[in-house]
Amino acid sequence: QSIVLFSALLQGSSPSEQLWPAINKGLALAPAVAMGNWSQSDKVGRALVLLETACKLQLISGNGNGDLVVDKTSNQMMPPPPSIEQLLSFATNFLLLRTRSLLGVSDGASKWEGSRSSAAKRITASVLAVIGSMQTIKEGFPSS
């Protein structure tokens, strides 16, 4: 969150110009993670935090701040450019993958240690965090 707030304070360029390259670099690794290269998942996760925080603070979104495109004839919001749509797709797919991995079982044994009740609480909290991230991104880019 500090990086996103810092980008808002920089003069000479918009926060959007500062954040998209970092978000792009991290989320571009999401397909590799989906193919099983989990060593890159931390970088994708950091990019996702940047995207989510910037959406929460309304520094980047499909609702303005230089990212909005409106069709002049119909006066309706157009979807973001294909490159942004692709990044949003990578983010969503990564969140779905994270949800599946939270709910999955490996080698017949649960990966959640402790009592059944505490494991259920941790799983619920983790899944709710993923859902919250998806909602934040959807609110930031309603035409996607």
N, C-alpha and C. Protein backbone atom coordinates (compact mmCIF):
# COMPACT_ATOMS: atom_id res chain seq x y z
N GLN A 1 0.83 -1.18 0.00
CA GLN A 1 0.00 0.00 0.00
C GLN A 1 0.88 1.25 0.00
N SER A 2 1.99 1.19 0.66
CA SER A 2 2.89 2.36 0.71
C SER A 2 3.39 2.74 -0.66
N ILE A 3 3.70 1.76 -1.48
CA ILE A 3 4.20 2.05 -2.83
C ILE A 3 3.12 2.76 -3.64
N VAL A 4 1.88 2.32 -3.51
CA VAL A 4 0.78 2.93 -4.25
C VAL A 4 0.56 4.36 -3.77
N LEU A 5 0.59 4.57 -2.46
CA LEU A 5 0.43 5.93 -1.93
C LEU A 5 1.60 6.82 -2.36
N PHE A 6 2.80 6.28 -2.37
CA PHE A 6 3.96 7.05 -2.82
C PHE A 6 3.81 7.48 -4.27
N SER A 7 3.29 6.59 -5.10
CA SER A 7 3.13 6.92 -6.53
C SER A 7 2.14 8.06 -6.71
N ALA A 8 1.19 8.19 -5.78
CA ALA A 8 0.23 9.28 -5.86
C ALA A 8 0.88 10.63 -5.55
N LEU A 9 1.98 10.60 -4.80
CA LEU A 9 2.66 11.83 -4.42
C LEU A 9 3.67 12.32 -5.45
N LEU A 10 4.10 11.42 -6.33
CA LEU A 10 5.10 11.80 -7.33
C LEU A 10 4.53 12.82 -8.30
N GLN A 11 5.32 13.81 -8.60
CA GLN A 11 4.88 14.83 -9.54
C GLN A 11 5.52 14.59 -10.89
N GLY A 12 4.84 15.00 -11.93
CA GLY A 12 5.38 14.86 -13.27
C GLY A 12 4.73 13.74 -14.06
N SER A 13 4.12 12.80 -13.36
CA SER A 13 3.40 11.73 -14.05
C SER A 13 2.27 11.24 -13.15
N SER A 14 1.29 10.62 -13.76
CA SER A 14 0.13 10.16 -13.00
C SER A 14 0.47 8.86 -12.28
N PRO A 15 -0.24 8.55 -11.20
CA PRO A 15 -0.04 7.26 -10.52
C PRO A 15 -0.24 6.09 -11.48
N SER A 16 -1.18 6.26 -12.39
CA SER A 16 -1.44 5.21 -13.37
C SER A 16 -0.19 4.90 -14.19
N GLU A 17 0.52 5.93 -14.63
CA GLU A 17 1.74 5.74 -15.41
C GLU A 17 2.83 5.06 -14.60
N GLN A 18 2.84 5.32 -13.28
CA GLN A 18 3.84 4.72 -12.41
C GLN A 18 3.54 3.26 -12.08
N LEU A 19 2.25 2.93 -11.92
CA LEU A 19 1.87 1.61 -11.42
C LEU A 19 1.71 0.54 -12.50
N TRP A 20 1.18 0.91 -13.67
CA TRP A 20 0.91 -0.10 -14.68
C TRP A 20 2.14 -0.91 -15.10
N PRO A 21 3.32 -0.30 -15.26
CA PRO A 21 4.47 -1.14 -15.64
C PRO A 21 4.79 -2.23 -14.60
N ALA A 22 4.73 -1.89 -13.32
CA ALA A 22 5.01 -2.88 -12.27
C ALA A 22 3.92 -3.95 -12.22
N ILE A 23 2.68 -3.53 -12.37
CA ILE A 23 1.57 -4.48 -12.37
C ILE A 23 1.70 -5.41 -13.57
N ASN A 24 2.02 -4.84 -14.72
CA ASN A 24 2.18 -5.62 -15.94
C ASN A 24 3.30 -6.65 -15.79
N LYS A 25 4.43 -6.23 -15.25
CA LYS A 25 5.58 -7.12 -15.11
C LYS A 25 5.24 -8.31 -14.21
N GLY A 26 4.54 -8.07 -13.12
CA GLY A 26 4.20 -9.16 -12.21
C GLY A 26 3.10 -10.06 -12.74
N LEU A 27 2.02 -9.46 -13.24
CA LEU A 27 0.89 -10.27 -13.71
C LEU A 27 1.20 -11.03 -14.99
N ALA A 28 2.20 -10.58 -15.74
CA ALA A 28 2.59 -11.30 -16.95
C ALA A 28 3.13 -12.69 -16.61
N LEU A 29 3.52 -12.90 -15.36
CA LEU A 29 4.03 -14.20 -14.92
C LEU A 29 2.91 -15.16 -14.51
N ALA A 30 1.67 -14.67 -14.42
CA ALA A 30 0.55 -15.50 -13.96
C ALA A 30 0.35 -16.77 -14.79
N PRO A 31 0.46 -16.72 -16.12
CA PRO A 31 0.30 -17.97 -16.88
C PRO A 31 1.35 -19.02 -16.51
N ALA A 32 2.58 -18.59 -16.21
CA ALA A 32 3.62 -19.55 -15.81
C ALA A 32 3.25 -20.20 -14.48
N VAL A 33 2.68 -19.43 -13.57
CA VAL A 33 2.25 -19.98 -12.28
C VAL A 33 1.12 -20.98 -12.51
N ALA A 34 0.21 -20.65 -13.40
CA ALA A 34 -0.90 -21.56 -13.70
C ALA A 34 -0.41 -22.87 -14.28
N MET A 35 0.74 -22.84 -14.94
CA MET A 35 1.31 -24.06 -15.53
C MET A 35 2.17 -24.82 -14.53
N GLY A 36 2.22 -24.35 -13.29
CA GLY A 36 2.92 -25.09 -12.24
C GLY A 36 4.23 -24.49 -11.77
N ASN A 37 4.63 -23.35 -12.32
CA ASN A 37 5.87 -22.69 -11.89
C ASN A 37 5.57 -21.79 -10.69
N TRP A 38 5.40 -22.40 -9.52
CA TRP A 38 4.99 -21.66 -8.32
C TRP A 38 6.07 -20.73 -7.80
N SER A 39 7.31 -20.84 -8.30
CA SER A 39 8.37 -19.96 -7.82
C SER A 39 8.09 -18.50 -8.18
N GLN A 40 7.25 -18.26 -9.17
CA GLN A 40 6.91 -16.90 -9.60
C GLN A 40 5.67 -16.34 -8.89
N SER A 41 5.03 -17.15 -8.06
CA SER A 41 3.75 -16.73 -7.47
C SER A 41 3.88 -15.52 -6.56
N ASP A 42 5.03 -15.34 -5.89
CA ASP A 42 5.20 -14.16 -5.04
C ASP A 42 5.18 -12.87 -5.85
N LYS A 43 5.82 -12.91 -7.02
CA LYS A 43 5.84 -11.72 -7.88
C LYS A 43 4.44 -11.40 -8.40
N VAL A 44 3.69 -12.44 -8.75
CA VAL A 44 2.31 -12.23 -9.21
C VAL A 44 1.47 -11.68 -8.06
N GLY A 45 1.67 -12.24 -6.88
CA GLY A 45 0.93 -11.76 -5.70
C GLY A 45 1.20 -10.30 -5.39
N ARG A 46 2.47 -9.88 -5.51
CA ARG A 46 2.81 -8.47 -5.27
C ARG A 46 2.15 -7.57 -6.30
N ALA A 47 2.15 -7.99 -7.55
CA ALA A 47 1.49 -7.19 -8.60
C ALA A 47 0.00 -7.10 -8.33
N LEU A 48 -0.58 -8.18 -7.84
CA LEU A 48 -2.00 -8.20 -7.52
C LEU A 48 -2.31 -7.25 -6.37
N VAL A 49 -1.42 -7.18 -5.38
CA VAL A 49 -1.60 -6.23 -4.27
C VAL A 49 -1.55 -4.80 -4.80
N LEU A 50 -0.61 -4.52 -5.71
CA LEU A 50 -0.55 -3.17 -6.31
C LEU A 50 -1.84 -2.85 -7.04
N LEU A 51 -2.33 -3.79 -7.84
CA LEU A 51 -3.56 -3.58 -8.61
C LEU A 51 -4.74 -3.35 -7.67
N GLU A 52 -4.88 -4.21 -6.68
CA GLU A 52 -6.02 -4.10 -5.77
C GLU A 52 -5.97 -2.79 -4.97
N THR A 53 -4.82 -2.45 -4.44
CA THR A 53 -4.69 -1.22 -3.64
C THR A 53 -4.93 0.01 -4.50
N ALA A 54 -4.39 0.02 -5.71
CA ALA A 54 -4.61 1.16 -6.60
C ALA A 54 -6.08 1.29 -6.97
N CYS A 55 -6.78 0.17 -7.13
CA CYS A 55 -8.22 0.22 -7.39
C CYS A 55 -8.98 0.75 -6.18
N LYS A 56 -8.61 0.29 -4.99
CA LYS A 56 -9.27 0.76 -3.76
C LYS A 56 -9.11 2.26 -3.59
N LEU A 57 -7.91 2.76 -3.89
CA LEU A 57 -7.63 4.19 -3.74
C LEU A 57 -8.05 5.00 -4.95
N GLN A 58 -8.63 4.33 -5.95
CA GLN A 58 -9.11 4.94 -7.19
C GLN A 58 -8.02 5.70 -7.93
N LEU A 59 -6.80 5.13 -7.89
CA LEU A 59 -5.69 5.71 -8.64
C LEU A 59 -5.63 5.15 -10.05
N ILE A 60 -6.07 3.91 -10.21
CA ILE A 60 -6.23 3.32 -11.54
C ILE A 60 -7.58 2.64 -11.57
N SER A 61 -8.26 2.79 -12.68
CA SER A 61 -9.56 2.15 -12.80
C SER A 61 -10.12 2.40 -14.19
N GLY A 62 -11.24 1.78 -14.45
CA GLY A 62 -11.96 2.05 -15.68
C GLY A 62 -12.95 3.19 -15.50
N ASN A 63 -12.91 3.83 -14.33
CA ASN A 63 -13.85 4.91 -14.03
C ASN A 63 -13.23 6.29 -14.19
N GLY A 64 -12.02 6.38 -14.64
CA GLY A 64 -11.41 7.69 -14.82
C GLY A 64 -9.91 7.64 -14.65
N ASN A 65 -9.33 8.72 -14.20
CA ASN A 65 -7.89 8.83 -13.97
C ASN A 65 -7.08 8.50 -15.22
N GLY A 66 -7.61 8.88 -16.37
CA GLY A 66 -6.89 8.67 -17.60
C GLY A 66 -7.09 7.30 -18.23
N ASP A 67 -7.80 6.41 -17.55
CA ASP A 67 -7.99 5.06 -18.06
C ASP A 67 -9.36 4.88 -18.71
N LEU A 68 -10.24 5.86 -18.57
CA LEU A 68 -11.60 5.75 -19.06
C LEU A 68 -11.68 6.11 -20.54
N VAL A 69 -12.41 5.30 -21.28
CA VAL A 69 -12.67 5.61 -22.68
C VAL A 69 -14.18 5.55 -22.88
N VAL A 70 -14.77 6.65 -23.34
CA VAL A 70 -16.21 6.71 -23.55
C VAL A 70 -16.49 6.83 -25.04
N ASP A 71 -17.43 6.02 -25.53
CA ASP A 71 -17.86 6.10 -26.91
C ASP A 71 -18.69 7.37 -27.06
N LYS A 72 -18.23 8.27 -27.91
CA LYS A 72 -18.89 9.58 -28.05
C LYS A 72 -20.29 9.47 -28.66
N THR A 73 -20.54 8.46 -29.49
CA THR A 73 -21.86 8.35 -30.11
C THR A 73 -22.89 7.77 -29.15
N SER A 74 -22.51 6.75 -28.39
CA SER A 74 -23.48 6.13 -27.48
C SER A 74 -23.35 6.63 -26.05
N ASN A 75 -22.27 7.36 -25.75
CA ASN A 75 -21.99 7.90 -24.42
C ASN A 75 -21.91 6.78 -23.37
N GLN A 76 -21.41 5.62 -23.79
CA GLN A 76 -21.23 4.50 -22.87
C GLN A 76 -19.75 4.23 -22.66
N MET A 77 -19.44 3.74 -21.46
CA MET A 77 -18.06 3.41 -21.14
C MET A 77 -17.61 2.21 -21.97
N MET A 78 -16.46 2.36 -22.60
CA MET A 78 -15.88 1.27 -23.37
C MET A 78 -15.00 0.43 -22.46
N PRO A 79 -14.81 -0.83 -22.80
CA PRO A 79 -13.89 -1.63 -22.00
C PRO A 79 -12.47 -1.10 -22.11
N PRO A 80 -11.64 -1.42 -21.13
CA PRO A 80 -10.23 -0.98 -21.21
C PRO A 80 -9.55 -1.57 -22.45
N PRO A 81 -8.39 -1.05 -22.80
CA PRO A 81 -7.66 -1.58 -23.95
C PRO A 81 -7.36 -3.08 -23.76
N PRO A 82 -7.13 -3.80 -24.85
CA PRO A 82 -6.87 -5.24 -24.76
C PRO A 82 -5.72 -5.60 -23.82
N SER A 83 -4.69 -4.78 -23.76
CA SER A 83 -3.57 -5.10 -22.87
C SER A 83 -3.99 -5.07 -21.40
N ILE A 84 -4.85 -4.11 -21.04
CA ILE A 84 -5.35 -4.03 -19.67
C ILE A 84 -6.33 -5.18 -19.41
N GLU A 85 -7.18 -5.48 -20.38
CA GLU A 85 -8.10 -6.61 -20.25
C GLU A 85 -7.33 -7.90 -20.00
N GLN A 86 -6.21 -8.08 -20.71
CA GLN A 86 -5.41 -9.28 -20.54
C GLN A 86 -4.83 -9.35 -19.12
N LEU A 87 -4.35 -8.22 -18.61
CA LEU A 87 -3.82 -8.20 -17.25
C LEU A 87 -4.91 -8.51 -16.22
N LEU A 88 -6.10 -7.95 -16.44
CA LEU A 88 -7.21 -8.24 -15.53
C LEU A 88 -7.59 -9.72 -15.59
N SER A 89 -7.51 -10.30 -16.78
CA SER A 89 -7.78 -11.72 -16.94
C SER A 89 -6.72 -12.55 -16.20
N PHE A 90 -5.45 -12.16 -16.32
CA PHE A 90 -4.38 -12.86 -15.59
C PHE A 90 -4.63 -12.78 -14.09
N ALA A 91 -5.02 -11.58 -13.60
CA ALA A 91 -5.27 -11.40 -12.18
C ALA A 91 -6.42 -12.29 -11.70
N THR A 92 -7.50 -12.31 -12.46
CA THR A 92 -8.65 -13.13 -12.10
C THR A 92 -8.31 -14.61 -12.11
N ASN A 93 -7.60 -15.04 -13.14
CA ASN A 93 -7.22 -16.46 -13.22
C ASN A 93 -6.29 -16.84 -12.07
N PHE A 94 -5.39 -15.94 -11.69
CA PHE A 94 -4.50 -16.22 -10.57
C PHE A 94 -5.29 -16.34 -9.27
N LEU A 95 -6.27 -15.46 -9.09
CA LEU A 95 -7.10 -15.53 -7.88
C LEU A 95 -7.91 -16.83 -7.84
N LEU A 96 -8.43 -17.25 -8.99
CA LEU A 96 -9.15 -18.53 -9.04
C LEU A 96 -8.22 -19.69 -8.75
N LEU A 97 -7.01 -19.63 -9.28
CA LEU A 97 -6.02 -20.67 -9.00
C LEU A 97 -5.68 -20.73 -7.52
N ARG A 98 -5.55 -19.56 -6.92
CA ARG A 98 -5.27 -19.48 -5.48
C ARG A 98 -6.42 -20.10 -4.68
N THR A 99 -7.65 -19.82 -5.10
CA THR A 99 -8.81 -20.40 -4.41
C THR A 99 -8.79 -21.92 -4.53
N ARG A 100 -8.54 -22.42 -5.73
CA ARG A 100 -8.48 -23.88 -5.92
C ARG A 100 -7.39 -24.50 -5.08
N SER A 101 -6.25 -23.84 -4.99
CA SER A 101 -5.15 -24.41 -4.20
C SER A 101 -5.48 -24.37 -2.70
N LEU A 102 -6.25 -23.37 -2.27
CA LEU A 102 -6.65 -23.31 -0.87
C LEU A 102 -7.59 -24.46 -0.51
N LEU A 103 -8.44 -24.81 -1.45
CA LEU A 103 -9.44 -25.84 -1.19
C LEU A 103 -8.95 -27.24 -1.54
N GLY A 104 -7.82 -27.32 -2.22
CA GLY A 104 -7.32 -28.62 -2.69
C GLY A 104 -6.65 -29.42 -1.59
N VAL A 105 -6.45 -30.68 -1.91
CA VAL A 105 -5.77 -31.59 -1.01
C VAL A 105 -4.57 -32.15 -1.76
N SER A 106 -3.48 -32.34 -1.06
CA SER A 106 -2.27 -32.85 -1.69
C SER A 106 -1.88 -34.18 -1.06
N ASP A 107 -1.67 -35.19 -1.86
CA ASP A 107 -1.27 -36.52 -1.42
C ASP A 107 -2.23 -37.11 -0.39
N GLY A 108 -3.50 -36.83 -0.51
CA GLY A 108 -4.49 -37.40 0.39
C GLY A 108 -4.52 -36.77 1.77
N ALA A 109 -3.64 -35.84 2.05
CA ALA A 109 -3.61 -35.20 3.38
C ALA A 109 -3.90 -33.72 3.22
N SER A 110 -4.64 -33.20 4.16
CA SER A 110 -4.97 -31.78 4.11
C SER A 110 -3.73 -30.95 4.39
N LYS A 111 -3.60 -29.83 3.69
CA LYS A 111 -2.45 -28.97 3.92
C LYS A 111 -2.67 -28.01 5.08
N TRP A 112 -3.86 -28.06 5.67
CA TRP A 112 -4.18 -27.18 6.79
C TRP A 112 -3.96 -27.93 8.10
N GLU A 113 -3.02 -27.44 8.89
CA GLU A 113 -2.68 -28.05 10.17
C GLU A 113 -3.66 -27.59 11.24
N GLY A 114 -3.75 -28.36 12.31
CA GLY A 114 -4.57 -27.97 13.45
C GLY A 114 -5.92 -28.65 13.41
N SER A 115 -6.78 -28.18 14.31
CA SER A 115 -8.11 -28.78 14.42
C SER A 115 -8.94 -28.48 13.18
N ARG A 116 -9.96 -29.25 13.01
CA ARG A 116 -10.85 -29.07 11.86
C ARG A 116 -11.51 -27.70 11.87
N SER A 117 -11.89 -27.26 13.06
CA SER A 117 -12.55 -25.96 13.21
C SER A 117 -11.61 -24.81 12.85
N SER A 118 -10.37 -24.86 13.35
CA SER A 118 -9.43 -23.77 13.05
C SER A 118 -9.03 -23.80 11.58
N ALA A 119 -8.91 -24.99 11.00
CA ALA A 119 -8.59 -25.09 9.57
C ALA A 119 -9.73 -24.50 8.74
N ALA A 120 -10.96 -24.80 9.12
CA ALA A 120 -12.12 -24.26 8.39
C ALA A 120 -12.14 -22.73 8.48
N LYS A 121 -11.80 -22.19 9.63
CA LYS A 121 -11.76 -20.73 9.79
C LYS A 121 -10.67 -20.11 8.90
N ARG A 122 -9.49 -20.74 8.86
CA ARG A 122 -8.41 -20.21 8.03
C ARG A 122 -8.76 -20.29 6.55
N ILE A 123 -9.36 -21.40 6.14
CA ILE A 123 -9.76 -21.54 4.73
C ILE A 123 -10.81 -20.49 4.38
N THR A 124 -11.79 -20.33 5.26
CA THR A 124 -12.85 -19.34 5.02
C THR A 124 -12.27 -17.94 4.90
N ALA A 125 -11.37 -17.58 5.81
CA ALA A 125 -10.78 -16.25 5.77
C ALA A 125 -9.97 -16.05 4.49
N SER A 126 -9.25 -17.07 4.07
CA SER A 126 -8.44 -16.96 2.85
C SER A 126 -9.32 -16.82 1.61
N VAL A 127 -10.37 -17.62 1.54
CA VAL A 127 -11.28 -17.56 0.39
C VAL A 127 -11.99 -16.21 0.36
N LEU A 128 -12.40 -15.71 1.52
CA LEU A 128 -13.05 -14.40 1.57
C LEU A 128 -12.10 -13.29 1.13
N ALA A 129 -10.82 -13.41 1.46
CA ALA A 129 -9.83 -12.42 1.00
C ALA A 129 -9.71 -12.43 -0.52
N VAL A 130 -9.72 -13.62 -1.10
CA VAL A 130 -9.66 -13.74 -2.57
C VAL A 130 -10.90 -13.13 -3.20
N ILE A 131 -12.07 -13.42 -2.63
CA ILE A 131 -13.32 -12.85 -3.14
C ILE A 131 -13.30 -11.33 -3.03
N GLY A 132 -12.79 -10.81 -1.91
CA GLY A 132 -12.68 -9.37 -1.74
C GLY A 132 -11.79 -8.74 -2.80
N SER A 133 -10.69 -9.40 -3.12
CA SER A 133 -9.79 -8.90 -4.17
C SER A 133 -10.51 -8.84 -5.51
N MET A 134 -11.25 -9.90 -5.82
CA MET A 134 -11.98 -9.94 -7.09
C MET A 134 -13.03 -8.84 -7.15
N GLN A 135 -13.72 -8.60 -6.04
CA GLN A 135 -14.74 -7.55 -6.00
C GLN A 135 -14.11 -6.17 -6.20
N THR A 136 -12.98 -5.95 -5.57
CA THR A 136 -12.30 -4.66 -5.70
C THR A 136 -11.90 -4.39 -7.14
N ILE A 137 -11.35 -5.40 -7.81
CA ILE A 137 -10.95 -5.25 -9.20
C ILE A 137 -12.19 -5.03 -10.08
N LYS A 138 -13.25 -5.75 -9.83
CA LYS A 138 -14.48 -5.59 -10.61
C LYS A 138 -15.06 -4.19 -10.43
N GLU A 139 -15.03 -3.66 -9.20
CA GLU A 139 -15.53 -2.30 -8.97
C GLU A 139 -14.65 -1.27 -9.67
N GLY A 140 -13.36 -1.54 -9.74
CA GLY A 140 -12.44 -0.61 -10.41
C GLY A 140 -12.60 -0.62 -11.92
N PHE A 141 -13.00 -1.77 -12.46
CA PHE A 141 -13.14 -1.92 -13.92
C PHE A 141 -14.50 -2.52 -14.24
N PRO A 142 -15.56 -1.76 -14.05
CA PRO A 142 -16.91 -2.32 -14.22
C PRO A 142 -17.25 -2.72 -15.66
N SER A 143 -16.56 -2.17 -16.63
CA SER A 143 -16.90 -2.51 -18.02
C SER A 143 -16.10 -3.71 -18.52
N SER A 144 -15.28 -4.30 -17.68
CA SER A 144 -14.48 -5.47 -18.07
C SER A 144 -15.27 -6.74 -17.89
